[in-house]
Amino acid sequence: MLRFMPVGDSMTIGSAGEHTWRYRMWEHLRDTHGGPFALVGPRETLYDKAADAPTSYAYADPDFPRAHLAGWGEGWLHMAPLIAEAVRAQRADVLLVSLGLIDLGFYTNAEQTAENVRRFVAEARTANPRVRIAVLPVIPNVRAAEDAPFAAQVTLFNELLAKAAADLDEPRSPILLASPPPSYDIHLDTYDGTHPNASGEHKIAAAFADALHQAWGVGEPYQG
């Protein structure tokens, strides 16, 4: 059985009332994978904006494996120290990672963030030397649209992320760089310029699903 762990920031944990892209990915794998699988992770909740804490179970459809390793305001910096224990405890086979925006926005520059990517990969492999990692670059967001220096940092980080993925890729523990959703539009696919609405959820799930299918033969092309 393949055990997938979604790892991410606010776009991955989602907030109360949402489906999340994790749900869209689960639906896709359920319909196309053709074998047993599970979503795993040490956390299950959504972020509750009223409480300003990750305490909500109010998924739009709660009837799916809700486990994940995602946090509102968390990035590569925060996940690198957590990933080894999470992979070990959850016996994760495949990591679906969407991180970087929070790091660049609040904590580290592009070069420092890329170093945390490398640390994250090394830590994950200490727990499972055969772990597979699919990574989504930082996708369009309102700050990058309005802040040219920040946009330059996003572009640089995405270049460094691609280099790290190429450098660290190895046959027993492959690293896959997913392509950003080609039609992603912050005005149509988010509710605030950053966080995905329903169409954005589908497009993020599709980015992972199509990459997994093309590179590793997992599932089929995304049809959601």
Protein backbone atom coordinates (compact mmCIF):
# COMPACT_ATOMS: atom_id res chain seq x y z
CA MET A 1 0.00 0.00 0.00
CA LEU A 2 1.29 3.43 -0.93
CA ARG A 3 1.19 5.93 1.92
CA PHE A 4 1.06 9.56 0.78
CA MET A 5 1.81 12.41 3.18
CA PRO A 6 0.74 15.94 2.16
CA VAL A 7 3.20 18.48 3.57
CA GLY A 8 2.55 22.18 3.33
CA ASP A 9 1.55 25.57 4.64
CA SER A 10 -1.81 27.35 4.81
CA MET A 11 -2.66 26.37 1.24
CA THR A 12 -2.38 22.71 2.26
CA ILE A 13 -3.91 22.65 5.72
CA GLY A 14 -6.84 24.76 4.51
CA SER A 15 -9.37 26.48 6.73
CA ALA A 16 -12.77 25.61 8.16
CA GLY A 17 -15.42 24.86 5.55
CA GLU A 18 -13.03 23.98 2.72
CA HIS A 19 -12.47 20.71 0.90
CA THR A 20 -8.69 21.35 0.49
CA TRP A 21 -6.54 20.12 -2.39
CA ARG A 22 -5.76 17.11 -0.21
CA TYR A 23 -9.35 16.01 -0.60
CA ARG A 24 -9.24 16.53 -4.36
CA MET A 25 -6.05 14.44 -4.51
CA TRP A 26 -7.62 11.68 -2.45
CA GLU A 27 -10.63 11.60 -4.78
CA HIS A 28 -8.31 11.35 -7.78
CA LEU A 29 -6.25 8.51 -6.28
CA ARG A 30 -9.38 6.70 -5.15
CA ASP A 31 -10.69 6.75 -8.70
CA THR A 32 -7.50 6.11 -10.67
CA HIS A 33 -4.73 4.58 -8.56
CA GLY A 34 -5.90 0.99 -8.92
CA GLY A 35 -4.36 -0.20 -5.69
CA PRO A 36 -4.48 0.33 -1.95
CA PHE A 37 -3.26 3.69 -0.67
CA ALA A 38 -3.66 6.00 2.30
CA LEU A 39 -3.18 9.64 3.17
CA VAL A 40 -1.07 9.78 6.32
CA GLY A 41 0.34 12.36 8.68
CA PRO A 42 0.41 13.36 12.34
CA ARG A 43 -2.28 16.06 11.98
CA GLU A 44 -5.90 16.09 10.84
CA THR A 45 -7.35 19.53 11.52
CA LEU A 46 -8.10 22.58 9.45
CA TYR A 47 -7.19 26.10 10.51
CA ASP A 48 -9.96 27.96 12.36
CA LYS A 49 -9.62 31.64 11.48
CA ALA A 50 -11.93 32.73 14.30
CA ALA A 51 -9.85 30.90 16.88
CA ASP A 52 -6.57 31.68 15.09
CA ALA A 53 -5.56 28.07 15.63
CA PRO A 54 -5.58 24.71 13.78
CA THR A 55 -8.52 23.31 15.72
CA SER A 56 -11.30 22.77 13.18
CA TYR A 57 -12.63 19.49 11.78
CA ALA A 58 -15.26 21.30 9.69
CA TYR A 59 -14.27 19.93 6.29
CA ALA A 60 -16.73 20.51 3.46
CA ASP A 61 -16.71 16.72 3.17
CA PRO A 62 -15.12 15.09 6.22
CA ASP A 63 -15.45 11.55 4.85
CA PHE A 64 -11.89 11.03 3.65
CA PRO A 65 -8.48 10.29 5.21
CA ARG A 66 -7.70 13.74 6.57
CA ALA A 67 -4.18 13.08 7.85
CA HIS A 68 -1.46 15.52 6.83
CA LEU A 69 1.60 17.44 7.96
CA ALA A 70 0.65 21.03 7.21
CA GLY A 71 0.39 24.22 9.20
CA TRP A 72 -0.83 27.76 8.78
CA GLY A 73 2.29 29.92 8.70
CA GLU A 74 4.72 27.01 8.48
CA GLY A 75 7.35 26.53 5.80
CA TRP A 76 10.45 24.52 4.94
CA LEU A 77 12.09 26.08 8.00
CA HIS A 78 9.46 24.55 10.28
CA MET A 79 8.95 21.22 8.54
CA ALA A 80 12.60 20.23 8.19
CA PRO A 81 12.94 19.46 11.94
CA LEU A 82 9.63 17.55 11.95
CA ILE A 83 9.78 15.46 8.82
CA ALA A 84 11.97 12.58 9.99
CA GLU A 85 9.72 11.68 12.91
CA ALA A 86 6.59 12.15 10.80
CA VAL A 87 7.89 9.88 8.04
CA ARG A 88 9.04 7.29 10.56
CA ALA A 89 5.85 7.27 12.62
CA GLN A 90 3.49 7.36 9.65
CA ARG A 91 5.58 5.03 7.45
CA ALA A 92 5.21 7.47 4.57
CA ASP A 93 6.24 6.32 1.09
CA VAL A 94 5.49 9.47 -0.93
CA LEU A 95 5.65 13.09 0.25
CA LEU A 96 3.53 15.66 -1.60
CA VAL A 97 5.17 18.95 -0.64
CA SER A 98 3.93 22.49 -1.24
CA LEU A 99 6.07 24.94 0.73
CA GLY A 100 8.12 28.09 0.29
CA LEU A 101 5.80 31.08 0.18
CA ILE A 102 5.73 31.49 3.95
CA ASP A 103 9.51 31.10 4.21
CA LEU A 104 10.15 33.82 1.65
CA GLY A 105 7.46 36.06 3.07
CA PHE A 106 8.49 35.98 6.71
CA TYR A 107 11.59 33.95 7.58
CA THR A 108 14.32 33.27 5.02
CA ASN A 109 15.59 34.49 1.68
CA ALA A 110 15.69 32.30 -1.41
CA GLU A 111 19.13 30.85 -0.73
CA GLN A 112 18.37 30.09 2.92
CA THR A 113 15.05 28.52 1.96
CA ALA A 114 16.80 26.29 -0.57
CA GLU A 115 19.18 25.14 2.15
CA ASN A 116 16.18 24.16 4.26
CA VAL A 117 14.87 22.15 1.30
CA ARG A 118 18.09 20.17 1.31
CA ARG A 119 17.88 19.69 5.06
CA PHE A 120 14.26 18.51 4.72
CA VAL A 121 15.22 15.90 2.13
CA ALA A 122 18.15 14.63 4.20
CA GLU A 123 15.98 14.34 7.30
CA ALA A 124 13.19 12.53 5.46
CA ARG A 125 15.68 10.01 4.13
CA THR A 126 17.00 9.23 7.60
CA ALA A 127 13.54 7.85 8.37
CA ASN A 128 12.92 6.18 5.00
CA PRO A 129 15.89 5.89 2.63
CA ARG A 130 13.46 5.02 -0.18
CA VAL A 131 11.01 7.85 0.34
CA ARG A 132 9.75 9.52 -2.84
CA ILE A 133 9.23 13.27 -2.79
CA ALA A 134 7.09 15.31 -5.18
CA VAL A 135 7.56 19.06 -4.76
CA LEU A 136 5.47 21.92 -6.08
CA PRO A 137 7.27 25.24 -6.68
CA VAL A 138 5.87 28.42 -5.20
CA ILE A 139 2.81 29.21 -7.32
CA PRO A 140 1.36 32.63 -8.23
CA ASN A 141 0.25 34.75 -5.30
CA VAL A 142 -0.86 38.30 -4.68
CA ARG A 143 2.31 39.49 -2.97
CA ALA A 144 4.45 38.41 -5.91
CA ALA A 145 2.02 40.19 -8.22
CA GLU A 146 2.35 43.46 -6.31
CA ASP A 147 5.89 43.37 -4.90
CA ALA A 148 8.64 43.13 -7.53
CA PRO A 149 11.51 42.34 -5.12
CA PHE A 150 9.43 39.57 -3.56
CA ALA A 151 8.56 38.23 -7.00
CA ALA A 152 12.29 38.12 -7.78
CA GLN A 153 12.87 36.07 -4.62
CA VAL A 154 10.11 33.66 -5.63
CA THR A 155 11.65 33.26 -9.08
CA LEU A 156 15.11 32.70 -7.63
CA PHE A 157 13.83 30.21 -5.07
CA ASN A 158 12.00 28.22 -7.71
CA GLU A 159 15.23 28.06 -9.72
CA LEU A 160 17.16 26.91 -6.65
CA LEU A 161 14.43 24.41 -5.85
CA ALA A 162 14.77 22.88 -9.31
CA LYS A 163 18.54 22.68 -8.85
CA ALA A 164 18.15 21.05 -5.43
CA ALA A 165 15.71 18.52 -6.84
CA ALA A 166 18.15 17.65 -9.63
CA ASP A 167 21.13 17.48 -7.26
CA LEU A 168 19.38 15.35 -4.65
CA ASP A 169 17.47 13.01 -6.95
CA GLU A 170 18.62 9.41 -6.67
CA PRO A 171 17.21 6.12 -7.99
CA ARG A 172 16.19 4.67 -4.66
CA SER A 173 14.70 7.96 -3.39
CA PRO A 174 13.59 10.02 -6.40
CA ILE A 175 12.65 13.68 -6.20
CA LEU A 176 10.04 14.95 -8.61
CA LEU A 177 9.53 18.65 -9.35
CA ALA A 178 5.90 19.16 -10.31
CA SER A 179 5.03 21.86 -12.81
CA PRO A 180 3.07 24.84 -11.49
CA PRO A 181 -0.54 24.76 -12.69
CA PRO A 182 -0.28 26.43 -16.13
CA SER A 183 -3.62 28.24 -15.94
CA TYR A 184 -3.47 29.23 -12.25
CA ASP A 185 -4.93 32.73 -11.84
CA ILE A 186 -4.92 34.44 -8.46
CA HIS A 187 -8.13 36.27 -9.41
CA LEU A 188 -10.02 33.11 -10.37
CA ASP A 189 -8.39 30.32 -8.37
CA THR A 190 -7.98 31.93 -4.93
CA TYR A 191 -10.32 33.70 -2.55
CA ASP A 192 -7.78 36.24 -1.33
CA GLY A 193 -4.94 36.23 -3.84
CA THR A 194 -3.10 33.39 -2.09
CA HIS A 195 -5.35 30.66 -0.69
CA PRO A 196 -7.04 28.38 -3.22
CA ASN A 197 -10.78 28.28 -3.75
CA ALA A 198 -12.42 25.17 -5.22
CA SER A 199 -10.93 25.65 -8.68
CA GLY A 200 -7.52 26.34 -7.17
CA GLU A 201 -7.75 23.17 -5.10
CA HIS A 202 -8.39 21.16 -8.26
CA LYS A 203 -5.47 22.80 -10.06
CA ILE A 204 -3.00 22.12 -7.23
CA ALA A 205 -4.17 18.51 -6.99
CA ALA A 206 -3.82 18.22 -10.76
CA ALA A 207 -0.24 19.48 -10.63
CA PHE A 208 0.70 16.68 -8.25
CA ALA A 209 -1.46 14.04 -9.93
CA ASP A 210 -0.15 14.69 -13.42
CA ALA A 211 3.45 14.71 -12.20
CA LEU A 212 2.99 11.42 -10.36
CA HIS A 213 1.39 9.83 -13.39
CA GLN A 214 3.94 11.07 -15.91
CA ALA A 215 7.05 10.33 -13.85
CA TRP A 216 6.13 7.32 -11.76
CA GLY A 217 3.05 5.81 -13.38
CA VAL A 218 0.90 6.51 -10.31
CA GLY A 219 -2.78 6.94 -11.12
CA GLU A 220 -3.97 8.60 -14.31
CA PRO A 221 -4.00 12.17 -15.64
CA TYR A 222 -6.17 14.39 -13.48
CA GLN A 223 -9.80 14.61 -14.54
CA GLY A 224 -11.33 16.50 -11.59
